[in-house]
Amino acid sequence: MLRYLFLAITIFLLPAAVSSDTSTVPTVIPLKILEHTLYTEIAHTPTARAQGLMYHSQLDENSGMLFVFPKTNIYGMWMLNTSIPLSVAFLDEKGVILNVADMTPHSVTPHYSAKPAKYALEMNLGWFAKKDIKTGIQVRGLEQAPEAE
């Protein structure tokens, strides 16, 4: 009888355990800049923003990470424990690029938004320059991103 009770409890709790495991799967959304489509992992929680792309060994050519901040402010990004050379674009609340900075792996030197930003978009080093994406160009698709926690 005890064995059946244990089995019933296990079956009852299994769906909760499985569904909670999916929370670790990163959210990825497509964004558009000019004619370019990119696929961005979303960092919208304090933990995800703190970790960023740390410990990643590579990024696909059109993949990156979008940081969603809780409010518009001056933000800084650094490269602690990040091995991939990256470029970061800071965006205002409408997705307009404020400035782009190139960042060196493992550097703790912060790179700041030129004006108050709502988002930061990290891509492989030189991605924005190679695509001729500059200050003033709008990133489309940000409405798909979850709100910052």
Protein backbone atom coordinates (compact mmCIF):
# COMPACT_ATOMS: atom_id res chain seq x y z
CA MET A 1 0.00 0.00 0.00
CA LEU A 2 2.83 2.40 0.87
CA ARG A 3 4.43 1.65 -2.49
CA TYR A 4 1.22 2.70 -4.33
CA LEU A 5 1.04 5.90 -2.30
CA PHE A 6 4.64 6.74 -3.21
CA LEU A 7 3.92 5.99 -6.89
CA ALA A 8 0.81 8.20 -6.86
CA ILE A 9 2.73 11.10 -5.26
CA THR A 10 5.57 10.71 -7.77
CA ILE A 11 3.17 10.75 -10.72
CA PHE A 12 1.41 13.80 -9.26
CA LEU A 13 4.64 15.77 -8.76
CA LEU A 14 6.38 14.75 -12.01
CA PRO A 15 4.67 17.36 -14.25
CA ALA A 16 5.71 20.16 -11.87
CA ALA A 17 9.32 18.98 -11.89
CA VAL A 18 9.40 18.74 -15.68
CA SER A 19 7.79 22.14 -16.22
CA SER A 20 10.12 23.90 -13.78
CA ASP A 21 13.12 22.51 -15.66
CA THR A 22 12.11 24.39 -18.82
CA SER A 23 12.69 27.72 -17.06
CA THR A 24 16.42 27.22 -17.61
CA VAL A 25 15.95 27.11 -21.39
CA PRO A 26 16.91 30.55 -22.70
CA THR A 27 14.31 32.64 -24.47
CA VAL A 28 15.41 33.51 -28.01
CA ILE A 29 13.69 36.10 -30.20
CA PRO A 30 14.39 37.30 -33.74
CA LEU A 31 15.25 40.97 -34.20
CA LYS A 32 15.67 42.97 -37.40
CA ILE A 33 18.21 45.70 -38.10
CA LEU A 34 17.94 47.07 -41.62
CA GLU A 35 17.63 43.90 -43.74
CA HIS A 36 19.49 41.72 -41.23
CA THR A 37 17.72 39.17 -39.01
CA LEU A 38 19.47 38.17 -35.81
CA TYR A 39 18.53 35.73 -33.09
CA THR A 40 19.03 36.95 -29.56
CA GLU A 41 18.99 35.20 -26.24
CA ILE A 42 17.19 37.41 -23.71
CA ALA A 43 18.71 38.54 -20.41
CA HIS A 44 15.79 40.17 -18.58
CA THR A 45 16.31 38.95 -15.01
CA PRO A 46 19.00 40.21 -12.61
CA THR A 47 20.70 36.80 -12.71
CA ALA A 48 20.65 36.57 -16.51
CA ARG A 49 21.93 40.15 -16.87
CA ALA A 50 24.74 39.50 -14.38
CA GLN A 51 25.84 36.33 -16.20
CA GLY A 52 25.36 37.59 -19.75
CA LEU A 53 27.57 35.67 -22.17
CA MET A 54 30.06 34.56 -19.50
CA TYR A 55 31.49 31.13 -20.18
CA HIS A 56 30.15 30.96 -23.76
CA SER A 57 32.85 29.72 -26.12
CA GLN A 58 31.33 31.08 -29.35
CA LEU A 59 28.38 32.83 -30.95
CA ASP A 60 26.89 32.02 -34.33
CA GLU A 61 27.32 34.84 -36.85
CA ASN A 62 23.82 36.30 -36.46
CA SER A 63 23.29 35.39 -32.80
CA GLY A 64 23.69 37.56 -29.75
CA MET A 65 22.23 38.55 -26.40
CA LEU A 66 19.70 41.27 -25.69
CA PHE A 67 19.86 42.77 -22.20
CA VAL A 68 16.53 44.22 -21.08
CA PHE A 69 16.88 46.71 -18.23
CA PRO A 70 14.13 47.57 -15.74
CA LYS A 71 14.29 51.31 -16.50
CA THR A 72 15.95 53.70 -18.90
CA ASN A 73 19.30 54.76 -17.45
CA ILE A 74 23.03 55.00 -18.18
CA TYR A 75 24.31 51.41 -18.16
CA GLY A 76 27.78 49.92 -18.40
CA MET A 77 28.85 46.54 -19.77
CA TRP A 78 32.07 44.65 -19.10
CA MET A 79 33.62 41.33 -20.08
CA LEU A 80 34.42 39.51 -16.82
CA ASN A 81 34.73 35.75 -17.54
CA THR A 82 33.72 36.32 -21.17
CA SER A 83 36.07 34.76 -23.73
CA ILE A 84 34.34 35.94 -26.91
CA PRO A 85 35.30 39.38 -28.26
CA LEU A 86 32.05 41.34 -28.51
CA SER A 87 30.54 44.58 -29.72
CA VAL A 88 27.68 46.07 -27.73
CA ALA A 89 25.02 48.46 -29.02
CA PHE A 90 23.08 50.46 -26.47
CA LEU A 91 19.46 51.14 -27.46
CA ASP A 92 16.85 53.59 -26.22
CA GLU A 93 13.28 52.54 -25.32
CA LYS A 94 12.28 52.73 -29.02
CA GLY A 95 15.18 50.53 -30.13
CA VAL A 96 17.25 53.33 -31.65
CA ILE A 97 20.99 52.67 -31.41
CA LEU A 98 22.64 55.24 -29.14
CA ASN A 99 26.23 54.04 -29.49
CA VAL A 100 28.29 50.93 -30.22
CA ALA A 101 31.40 49.86 -28.29
CA ASP A 102 33.91 47.08 -28.96
CA MET A 103 34.85 45.02 -25.90
CA THR A 104 37.94 42.94 -25.13
CA PRO A 105 37.58 39.45 -23.61
CA HIS A 106 38.05 39.24 -19.82
CA SER A 107 38.29 43.02 -19.44
CA VAL A 108 36.64 44.63 -16.43
CA THR A 109 36.76 48.05 -18.08
CA PRO A 110 33.13 49.16 -18.41
CA HIS A 111 31.68 50.51 -21.66
CA TYR A 112 28.78 52.89 -21.04
CA SER A 113 25.72 53.97 -22.97
CA ALA A 114 26.15 57.47 -24.42
CA LYS A 115 22.62 58.37 -23.26
CA PRO A 116 20.01 56.68 -21.08
CA ALA A 117 19.37 53.19 -22.53
CA LYS A 118 16.66 50.56 -22.08
CA TYR A 119 18.50 47.73 -23.89
CA ALA A 120 22.00 46.53 -24.71
CA LEU A 121 22.62 44.18 -27.63
CA GLU A 122 25.82 42.11 -27.65
CA MET A 123 27.03 40.56 -30.91
CA ASN A 124 30.35 39.17 -32.17
CA LEU A 125 33.11 41.78 -32.38
CA GLY A 126 32.70 43.94 -35.47
CA TRP A 127 29.22 42.63 -36.36
CA PHE A 128 27.64 46.10 -36.39
CA ALA A 129 30.50 47.65 -38.42
CA LYS A 130 30.49 44.81 -41.00
CA LYS A 131 26.75 45.32 -41.54
CA ASP A 132 27.14 49.13 -41.66
CA ILE A 133 24.86 49.49 -38.64
CA LYS A 134 25.43 52.80 -36.89
CA THR A 135 24.07 55.19 -34.30
CA GLY A 136 20.51 56.29 -35.09
CA ILE A 137 19.40 53.04 -36.77
CA GLN A 138 16.41 51.28 -35.18
CA VAL A 139 16.30 47.67 -33.99
CA ARG A 140 12.88 46.14 -34.72
CA GLY A 141 11.15 43.33 -32.83
CA LEU A 142 11.87 44.46 -29.27
CA GLU A 143 8.17 44.21 -28.38
CA GLN A 144 8.68 40.41 -28.30
CA ALA A 145 11.13 40.69 -25.40
CA PRO A 146 9.80 40.03 -21.91
CA GLU A 147 9.70 42.92 -19.45
CA ALA A 148 12.73 43.26 -17.21
CA GLU A 149 12.53 41.90 -13.70
